[in-house]
PDB file of N, CA and C in Angstrom:
ATOM      1  N   MET A   1      93.586  95.858  97.434  1.00  0.00           N
ATOM      2  CA  MET A   1      92.876  94.641  97.138  1.00  0.00           C
ATOM      3  C   MET A   1      92.589  94.596  95.648  1.00  0.00           C
ATOM      4  N   GLN A   2      92.302  93.398  95.172  1.00  0.00           N
ATOM      5  CA  GLN A   2      92.017  93.199  93.757  1.00  0.00           C
ATOM      6  C   GLN A   2      90.675  92.501  93.606  1.00  0.00           C
ATOM      7  N   GLY A   3      90.028  92.762  92.495  1.00  0.00           N
ATOM      8  CA  GLY A   3      88.762  92.096  92.267  1.00  0.00           C
ATOM      9  C   GLY A   3      88.210  92.393  90.895  1.00  0.00           C
ATOM     10  N   VAL A   4      86.971  91.965  90.682  1.00  0.00           N
ATOM     11  CA  VAL A   4      86.269  92.206  89.422  1.00  0.00           C
ATOM     12  C   VAL A   4      84.913  92.827  89.738  1.00  0.00           C
ATOM     13  N   ILE A   5      84.450  93.638  88.817  1.00  0.00           N
ATOM     14  CA  ILE A   5      83.147  94.262  88.969  1.00  0.00           C
ATOM     15  C   ILE A   5      82.075  93.205  88.725  1.00  0.00           C
ATOM     16  N   LYS A   6      81.214  93.049  89.704  1.00  0.00           N
ATOM     17  CA  LYS A   6      80.125  92.079  89.595  1.00  0.00           C
ATOM     18  C   LYS A   6      78.900  92.738  88.968  1.00  0.00           C
ATOM     19  N   SER A   7      78.653  93.990  89.362  1.00  0.00           N
ATOM     20  CA  SER A   7      77.539  94.744  88.787  1.00  0.00           C
ATOM     21  C   SER A   7      77.801  96.234  88.973  1.00  0.00           C
ATOM     22  N   PHE A   8      77.179  97.032  88.089  1.00  0.00           N
ATOM     23  CA  PHE A   8      77.306  98.486  88.202  1.00  0.00           C
ATOM     24  C   PHE A   8      76.145  99.132  87.472  1.00  0.00           C
ATOM     25  N   ASP A   9      75.499 100.078  88.141  1.00  0.00           N
ATOM     26  CA  ASP A   9      74.413 100.859  87.551  1.00  0.00           C
ATOM     27  C   ASP A   9      74.923 102.283  87.357  1.00  0.00           C
ATOM     28  N   PRO A  10      75.166 102.696  86.101  1.00  0.00           N
ATOM     29  CA  PRO A  10      75.722 104.030  85.864  1.00  0.00           C
ATOM     30  C   PRO A  10      74.776 105.168  86.250  1.00  0.00           C
ATOM     31  N   THR A  11      73.497 104.905  86.294  1.00  0.00           N
ATOM     32  CA  THR A  11      72.527 105.935  86.663  1.00  0.00           C
ATOM     33  C   THR A  11      72.616 106.277  88.140  1.00  0.00           C
ATOM     34  N   THR A  12      72.695 105.256  88.982  1.00  0.00           N
ATOM     35  CA  THR A  12      72.706 105.481  90.432  1.00  0.00           C
ATOM     36  C   THR A  12      74.117 105.450  91.022  1.00  0.00           C
ATOM     37  N   GLY A  13      75.055 104.810  90.300  1.00  0.00           N
ATOM     38  CA  GLY A  13      76.408 104.649  90.826  1.00  0.00           C
ATOM     39  C   GLY A  13      76.537 103.458  91.761  1.00  0.00           C
ATOM     40  N   ASP A  14      75.443 102.720  91.938  1.00  0.00           N
ATOM     41  CA  ASP A  14      75.482 101.532  92.790  1.00  0.00           C
ATOM     42  C   ASP A  14      76.195 100.399  92.066  1.00  0.00           C
ATOM     43  N   GLY A  15      76.961  99.644  92.821  1.00  0.00           N
ATOM     44  CA  GLY A  15      77.652  98.518  92.226  1.00  0.00           C
ATOM     45  C   GLY A  15      78.242  97.609  93.271  1.00  0.00           C
ATOM     46  N   VAL A  16      78.763  96.493  92.789  1.00  0.00           N
ATOM     47  CA  VAL A  16      79.357  95.484  93.661  1.00  0.00           C
ATOM     48  C   VAL A  16      80.652  95.010  93.021  1.00  0.00           C
ATOM     49  N   VAL A  17      81.685  94.853  93.858  1.00  0.00           N
ATOM     50  CA  VAL A  17      82.951  94.293  93.395  1.00  0.00           C
ATOM     51  C   VAL A  17      83.175  92.973  94.141  1.00  0.00           C
ATOM     52  N   LEU A  18      83.631  91.959  93.420  1.00  0.00           N
ATOM     53  CA  LEU A  18      83.935  90.655  93.991  1.00  0.00           C
ATOM     54  C   LEU A  18      85.429  90.594  94.254  1.00  0.00           C
ATOM     55  N   CYS A  19      85.819  90.418  95.503  1.00  0.00           N
ATOM     56  CA  CYS A  19      87.223  90.429  95.909  1.00  0.00           C
ATOM     57  C   CYS A  19      87.900  89.102  95.560  1.00  0.00           C
ATOM     58  N   ASP A  20      89.098  89.185  94.966  1.00  0.00           N
ATOM     59  CA  ASP A  20      89.862  87.985  94.623  1.00  0.00           C
ATOM     60  C   ASP A  20      90.334  87.224  95.859  1.00  0.00           C
ATOM     61  N   ALA A  21      90.680  87.937  96.912  1.00  0.00           N
ATOM     62  CA  ALA A  21      91.299  87.316  98.082  1.00  0.00           C
ATOM     63  C   ALA A  21      90.329  86.462  98.894  1.00  0.00           C
ATOM     64  N   ASP A  22      89.132  86.991  99.165  1.00  0.00           N
ATOM     65  CA  ASP A  22      88.204  86.259 100.032  1.00  0.00           C
ATOM     66  C   ASP A  22      86.878  85.924  99.357  1.00  0.00           C
ATOM     67  N   PHE A  23      86.753  86.252  98.072  1.00  0.00           N
ATOM     68  CA  PHE A  23      85.545  85.993  97.278  1.00  0.00           C
ATOM     69  C   PHE A  23      84.299  86.642  97.876  1.00  0.00           C
ATOM     70  N   ALA A  24      84.510  87.692  98.662  1.00  0.00           N
ATOM     71  CA  ALA A  24      83.393  88.428  99.252  1.00  0.00           C
ATOM     72  C   ALA A  24      82.928  89.517  98.296  1.00  0.00           C
ATOM     73  N   ASP A  25      81.647  89.837  98.371  1.00  0.00           N
ATOM     74  CA  ASP A  25      81.077  90.949  97.619  1.00  0.00           C
ATOM     75  C   ASP A  25      81.157  92.201  98.478  1.00  0.00           C
ATOM     76  N   TYR A  26      81.630  93.291  97.868  1.00  0.00           N
ATOM     77  CA  TYR A  26      81.674  94.575  98.564  1.00  0.00           C
ATOM     78  C   TYR A  26      80.907  95.599  97.740  1.00  0.00           C
ATOM     79  N   ASP A  27      79.951  96.260  98.380  1.00  0.00           N
ATOM     80  CA  ASP A  27      79.221  97.338  97.715  1.00  0.00           C
ATOM     81  C   ASP A  27      80.170  98.502  97.481  1.00  0.00           C
ATOM     82  N   LEU A  28      79.949  99.207  96.362  1.00  0.00           N
ATOM     83  CA  LEU A  28      80.765 100.383  96.066  1.00  0.00           C
ATOM     84  C   LEU A  28      80.352 101.537  96.969  1.00  0.00           C
ATOM     85  N   HIS A  29      81.335 102.233  97.487  1.00  0.00           N
ATOM     86  CA  HIS A  29      81.087 103.456  98.254  1.00  0.00           C
ATOM     87  C   HIS A  29      80.590 104.514  97.278  1.00  0.00           C
ATOM     88  N   ARG A  30      79.796 105.454  97.749  1.00  0.00           N
ATOM     89  CA  ARG A  30      79.258 106.494  96.846  1.00  0.00           C
ATOM     90  C   ARG A  30      80.351 107.303  96.159  1.00  0.00           C
ATOM     91  N   ASP A  31      81.547 107.368  96.754  1.00  0.00           N
ATOM     92  CA  ASP A  31      82.672 108.099  96.155  1.00  0.00           C
ATOM     93  C   ASP A  31      83.713 107.167  95.539  1.00  0.00           C
ATOM     94  N   ALA A  32      83.327 105.931  95.222  1.00  0.00           N
ATOM     95  CA  ALA A  32      84.288 104.922  94.756  1.00  0.00           C
ATOM     96  C   ALA A  32      85.048 105.339  93.495  1.00  0.00           C
ATOM     97  N   LEU A  33      84.414 106.117  92.628  1.00  0.00           N
ATOM     98  CA  LEU A  33      85.051 106.505  91.363  1.00  0.00           C
ATOM     99  C   LEU A  33      85.711 107.875  91.420  1.00  0.00           C
ATOM    100  N   GLU A  34      85.558 108.564  92.527  1.00  0.00           N
ATOM    101  CA  GLU A  34      86.127 109.907  92.653  1.00  0.00           C
ATOM    102  C   GLU A  34      87.648 109.856  92.531  1.00  0.00           C
ATOM    103  N   GLY A  35      88.197 110.672  91.631  1.00  0.00           N
ATOM    104  CA  GLY A  35      89.645 110.733  91.432  1.00  0.00           C
ATOM    105  C   GLY A  35      90.215 109.597  90.609  1.00  0.00           C
ATOM    106  N   SER A  36      89.358 108.741  90.065  1.00  0.00           N
ATOM    107  CA  SER A  36      89.859 107.636  89.254  1.00  0.00           C
ATOM    108  C   SER A  36      89.626 107.924  87.774  1.00  0.00           C
ATOM    109  N   VAL A  37      90.203 107.089  86.919  1.00  0.00           N
ATOM    110  CA  VAL A  37      90.007 107.242  85.479  1.00  0.00           C
ATOM    111  C   VAL A  37      88.649 106.697  85.050  1.00  0.00           C
ATOM    112  N   PHE A  38      87.972 105.985  85.935  1.00  0.00           N
ATOM    113  CA  PHE A  38      86.684 105.369  85.597  1.00  0.00           C
ATOM    114  C   PHE A  38      85.552 106.385  85.600  1.00  0.00           C
ATOM    115  N   ARG A  39      84.699 106.284  84.617  1.00  0.00           N
ATOM    116  CA  ARG A  39      83.438 107.008  84.605  1.00  0.00           C
ATOM    117  C   ARG A  39      82.309 105.983  84.509  1.00  0.00           C
ATOM    118  N   MET A  40      82.649 104.828  83.949  1.00  0.00           N
ATOM    119  CA  MET A  40      81.726 103.707  83.800  1.00  0.00           C
ATOM    120  C   MET A  40      82.485 102.452  84.188  1.00  0.00           C
ATOM    121  N   LEU A  41      81.760 101.467  84.642  1.00  0.00           N
ATOM    122  CA  LEU A  41      82.348 100.169  84.942  1.00  0.00           C
ATOM    123  C   LEU A  41      81.534  99.116  84.217  1.00  0.00           C
ATOM    124  N   ARG A  42      82.198  98.063  83.778  1.00  0.00           N
ATOM    125  CA  ARG A  42      81.471  96.976  83.129  1.00  0.00           C
ATOM    126  C   ARG A  42      81.662  95.698  83.932  1.00  0.00           C
ATOM    127  N   GLN A  43      80.691  94.834  83.854  1.00  0.00           N
ATOM    128  CA  GLN A  43      80.748  93.565  84.560  1.00  0.00           C
ATOM    129  C   GLN A  43      81.988  92.787  84.104  1.00  0.00           C
ATOM    130  N   GLY A  44      82.739  92.252  85.054  1.00  0.00           N
ATOM    131  CA  GLY A  44      83.944  91.479  84.750  1.00  0.00           C
ATOM    132  C   GLY A  44      85.210  92.306  84.657  1.00  0.00           C
ATOM    133  N   GLN A  45      85.097  93.622  84.753  1.00  0.00           N
ATOM    134  CA  GLN A  45      86.267  94.485  84.659  1.00  0.00           C
ATOM    135  C   GLN A  45      87.141  94.333  85.900  1.00  0.00           C
ATOM    136  N   ARG A  46      88.461  94.159  85.695  1.00  0.00           N
ATOM    137  CA  ARG A  46      89.396  93.982  86.807  1.00  0.00           C
ATOM    138  C   ARG A  46      89.776  95.344  87.374  1.00  0.00           C
ATOM    139  N   VAL A  47      89.787  95.424  88.705  1.00  0.00           N
ATOM    140  CA  VAL A  47      90.113  96.671  89.393  1.00  0.00           C
ATOM    141  C   VAL A  47      90.931  96.379  90.645  1.00  0.00           C
ATOM    142  N   THR A  48      91.591  97.406  91.129  1.00  0.00           N
ATOM    143  CA  THR A  48      92.146  97.376  92.468  1.00  0.00           C
ATOM    144  C   THR A  48      91.312  98.365  93.270  1.00  0.00           C
ATOM    145  N   PHE A  49      91.207  98.123  94.578  1.00  0.00           N
ATOM    146  CA  PHE A  49      90.367  98.978  95.408  1.00  0.00           C
ATOM    147  C   PHE A  49      90.817  98.887  96.859  1.00  0.00           C
ATOM    148  N   GLU A  50      90.268  99.772  97.652  1.00  0.00           N
ATOM    149  CA  GLU A  50      90.498  99.795  99.098  1.00  0.00           C
ATOM    150  C   GLU A  50      89.150  99.637  99.775  1.00  0.00           C
ATOM    151  N   LEU A  51      89.165  99.265 101.042  1.00  0.00           N
ATOM    152  CA  LEU A  51      87.923  99.177 101.807  1.00  0.00           C
ATOM    153  C   LEU A  51      87.852 100.307 102.817  1.00  0.00           C
ATOM    154  N   THR A  52      86.672 100.888 102.940  1.00  0.00           N
ATOM    155  CA  THR A  52      86.449 101.890 103.986  1.00  0.00           C
ATOM    156  C   THR A  52      86.299 101.156 105.316  1.00  0.00           C
ATOM    157  N   ASP A  53      86.304 101.898 106.410  1.00  0.00           N
ATOM    158  CA  ASP A  53      86.147 101.300 107.735  1.00  0.00           C
ATOM    159  C   ASP A  53      84.813 100.561 107.883  1.00  0.00           C
ATOM    160  N   ASP A  54      83.812 101.014 107.133  1.00  0.00           N
ATOM    161  CA  ASP A  54      82.514 100.353 107.221  1.00  0.00           C
ATOM    162  C   ASP A  54      82.293  99.304 106.124  1.00  0.00           C
ATOM    163  N   GLY A  55      83.371  98.904 105.423  1.00  0.00           N
ATOM    164  CA  GLY A  55      83.312  97.770 104.500  1.00  0.00           C
ATOM    165  C   GLY A  55      82.831  98.045 103.093  1.00  0.00           C
ATOM    166  N   PHE A  56      82.948  99.288 102.631  1.00  0.00           N
ATOM    167  CA  PHE A  56      82.590  99.621 101.257  1.00  0.00           C
ATOM    168  C   PHE A  56      83.848  99.705 100.408  1.00  0.00           C
ATOM    169  N   ALA A  57      83.733  99.292  99.141  1.00  0.00           N
ATOM    170  CA  ALA A  57      84.853  99.389  98.201  1.00  0.00           C
ATOM    171  C   ALA A  57      84.975 100.826  97.727  1.00  0.00           C
ATOM    172  N   THR A  58      86.190 101.357  97.737  1.00  0.00           N
ATOM    173  CA  THR A  58      86.432 102.727  97.305  1.00  0.00           C
ATOM    174  C   THR A  58      87.807 102.821  96.649  1.00  0.00           C
ATOM    175  N   GLY A  59      88.098 103.958  96.056  1.00  0.00           N
ATOM    176  CA  GLY A  59      89.412 104.169  95.445  1.00  0.00           C
ATOM    177  C   GLY A  59      89.670 103.240  94.279  1.00  0.00           C
ATOM    178  N   LEU A  60      88.654 102.958  93.477  1.00  0.00           N
ATOM    179  CA  LEU A  60      88.838 102.051  92.347  1.00  0.00           C
ATOM    180  C   LEU A  60      89.827 102.623  91.349  1.00  0.00           C
ATOM    181  N   ARG A  61      90.684 101.752  90.853  1.00  0.00           N
ATOM    182  CA  ARG A  61      91.647 102.165  89.835  1.00  0.00           C
ATOM    183  C   ARG A  61      92.023 100.960  88.988  1.00  0.00           C
ATOM    184  N   LEU A  62      92.557 101.274  87.834  1.00  0.00           N
ATOM    185  CA  LEU A  62      93.058 100.231  86.942  1.00  0.00           C
ATOM    186  C   LEU A  62      94.339  99.677  87.520  1.00  0.00           C
ATOM    187  N   GLY A  63      94.618  98.441  87.243  1.00  0.00           N
ATOM    188  CA  GLY A  63      95.883  97.851  87.643  1.00  0.00           C
ATOM    189  C   GLY A  63      96.432  97.044  86.486  1.00  0.00           C
ATOM    190  N   SER A  64      97.707  97.205  86.214  1.00  0.00           N
ATOM    191  CA  SER A  64      98.304  96.395  85.159  1.00  0.00           C
ATOM    192  C   SER A  64      98.455  94.983  85.687  1.00  0.00           C
ATOM    193  N   GLU A  65      98.702  94.048  84.811  1.00  0.00           N
ATOM    194  CA  GLU A  65      98.897  92.659  85.225  1.00  0.00           C
ATOM    195  C   GLU A  65     100.043  92.552  86.224  1.00  0.00           C
ATOM    196  N   ALA A  66     101.110  93.327  86.024  1.00  0.00           N
ATOM    197  CA  ALA A  66     102.253  93.282  86.935  1.00  0.00           C
ATOM    198  C   ALA A  66     101.861  93.840  88.298  1.00  0.00           C
ATOM    199  N   ASP A  67     101.110  94.951  88.317  1.00  0.00           N
ATOM    200  CA  ASP A  67     100.688  95.556  89.571  1.00  0.00           C
ATOM    201  C   ASP A  67      99.783  94.630  90.364  1.00  0.00           C
ATOM    202  N   MET A  68      98.954  93.873  89.655  1.00  0.00           N
ATOM    203  CA  MET A  68      97.999  93.002  90.316  1.00  0.00           C
ATOM    204  C   MET A  68      98.618  91.672  90.731  1.00  0.00           C
ATOM    205  N   GLY A  69      99.834  91.404  90.284  1.00  0.00           N
ATOM    206  CA  GLY A  69     100.485  90.158  90.662  1.00  0.00           C
ATOM    207  C   GLY A  69      99.795  88.944  90.081  1.00  0.00           C
ATOM    208  N   THR A  70      99.300  89.072  88.867  1.00  0.00           N
ATOM    209  CA  THR A  70      98.608  87.968  88.233  1.00  0.00           C
ATOM    210  C   THR A  70      99.533  86.761  88.138  1.00  0.00           C
ATOM    211  N   PRO A  71      99.094  85.600  88.640  1.00  0.00           N
ATOM    212  CA  PRO A  71      99.940  84.405  88.559  1.00  0.00           C
ATOM    213  C   PRO A  71     100.305  84.086  87.119  1.00  0.00           C
ATOM    214  N   GLY A  72     101.566  83.775  86.891  1.00  0.00           N
ATOM    215  CA  GLY A  72     102.033  83.423  85.552  1.00  0.00           C
ATOM    216  C   GLY A  72     102.390  84.599  84.680  1.00  0.00           C
ATOM    217  N   PHE A  73     102.174  85.828  85.171  1.00  0.00           N
ATOM    218  CA  PHE A  73     102.523  87.006  84.381  1.00  0.00           C
ATOM    219  C   PHE A  73     103.953  87.390  84.684  1.00  0.00           C
ATOM    220  N   HIS A  74     104.753  87.498  83.641  1.00  0.00           N
ATOM    221  CA  HIS A  74     106.150  87.900  83.811  1.00  0.00           C
ATOM    222  C   HIS A  74     106.383  89.146  82.996  1.00  0.00           C
ATOM    223  N   GLU A  75     106.672  90.220  83.683  1.00  0.00           N
ATOM    224  CA  GLU A  75     106.921  91.482  83.003  1.00  0.00           C
ATOM    225  C   GLU A  75     108.269  91.408  82.306  1.00  0.00           C
ATOM    226  N   THR A  76     108.303  91.782  81.044  1.00  0.00           N
ATOM    227  CA  THR A  76     109.539  91.786  80.291  1.00  0.00           C
ATOM    228  C   THR A  76     110.125  93.183  80.325  1.00  0.00           C
ATOM    229  N   ILE A  77     111.325  93.292  80.838  1.00  0.00           N
ATOM    230  CA  ILE A  77     112.008  94.575  80.899  1.00  0.00           C
ATOM    231  C   ILE A  77     113.177  94.514  79.937  1.00  0.00           C
ATOM    232  N   PRO A  78     113.195  95.385  78.927  1.00  0.00           N
ATOM    233  CA  PRO A  78     114.300  95.349  77.972  1.00  0.00           C
ATOM    234  C   PRO A  78     115.618  95.679  78.657  1.00  0.00           C
ATOM    235  N   SER A  79     116.619  94.920  78.319  1.00  0.00           N
ATOM    236  CA  SER A  79     117.932  95.182  78.915  1.00  0.00           C
ATOM    237  C   SER A  79     118.754  96.046  77.977  1.00  0.00           C
ATOM    238  N   ALA A  80     119.610  96.847  78.551  1.00  0.00           N
ATOM    239  CA  ALA A  80     120.474  97.715  77.753  1.00  0.00           C
ATOM    240  C   ALA A  80     121.599  96.880  77.161  1.00  0.00           C
ATOM    241  N   ASP A  81     121.881  97.125  75.915  1.00  0.00           N
ATOM    242  CA  ASP A  81     122.966  96.423  75.244  1.00  0.00           C
ATOM    243  C   ASP A  81     124.223  97.285  75.375  1.00  0.00           C
ATOM    244  N   PRO A  82     125.240  96.830  76.122  1.00  0.00           N
ATOM    245  CA  PRO A  82     126.422  97.667  76.340  1.00  0.00           C
ATOM    246  C   PRO A  82     127.192  97.965  75.060  1.00  0.00           C
ATOM    247  N   VAL A  83     127.010  97.173  74.026  1.00  0.00           N
ATOM    248  CA  VAL A  83     127.707  97.402  72.762  1.00  0.00           C
ATOM    249  C   VAL A  83     127.181  98.681  72.107  1.00  0.00           C
ATOM    250  N   ASP A  84     125.897  98.930  72.230  1.00  0.00           N
ATOM    251  CA  ASP A  84     125.293 100.098  71.600  1.00  0.00           C
ATOM    252  C   ASP A  84     125.384 101.350  72.453  1.00  0.00           C
ATOM    253  N   ASP A  85     125.930 101.231  73.658  1.00  0.00           N
ATOM    254  CA  ASP A  85     126.033 102.365  74.571  1.00  0.00           C
ATOM    255  C   ASP A  85     127.231 103.239  74.210  1.00  0.00           C
ATOM    256  N   PRO A  86     127.032 104.498  73.801  1.00  0.00           N
ATOM    257  CA  PRO A  86     128.178 105.364  73.550  1.00  0.00           C
ATOM    258  C   PRO A  86     128.830 105.766  74.869  1.00  0.00           C
ATOM    259  N   VAL A  87     130.134 105.776  74.895  1.00  0.00           N
ATOM    260  CA  VAL A  87     130.866 106.120  76.127  1.00  0.00           C
ATOM    261  C   VAL A  87     131.377 107.520  76.084  1.00  0.00           C
TER     262      VAL A  87
END
């Protein structure tokens, strides 16, 4: 799932993520940042996440625009020039 951080308290680790798909608020699971590159979150920060069985956001990670499927984003992949390719 994709969303943005609505709030985050670095002291307690409590926070809320707003889901892009259903516009629902999901509280962060106590282990939401475990194993991720995040140590802090800021309001408005884009993330990808998973939901636990009891409806908490967990597994927060960064997502590139291509990974998140942002509308209008076109990833540019350089093509190989066969003229410059040594045979």
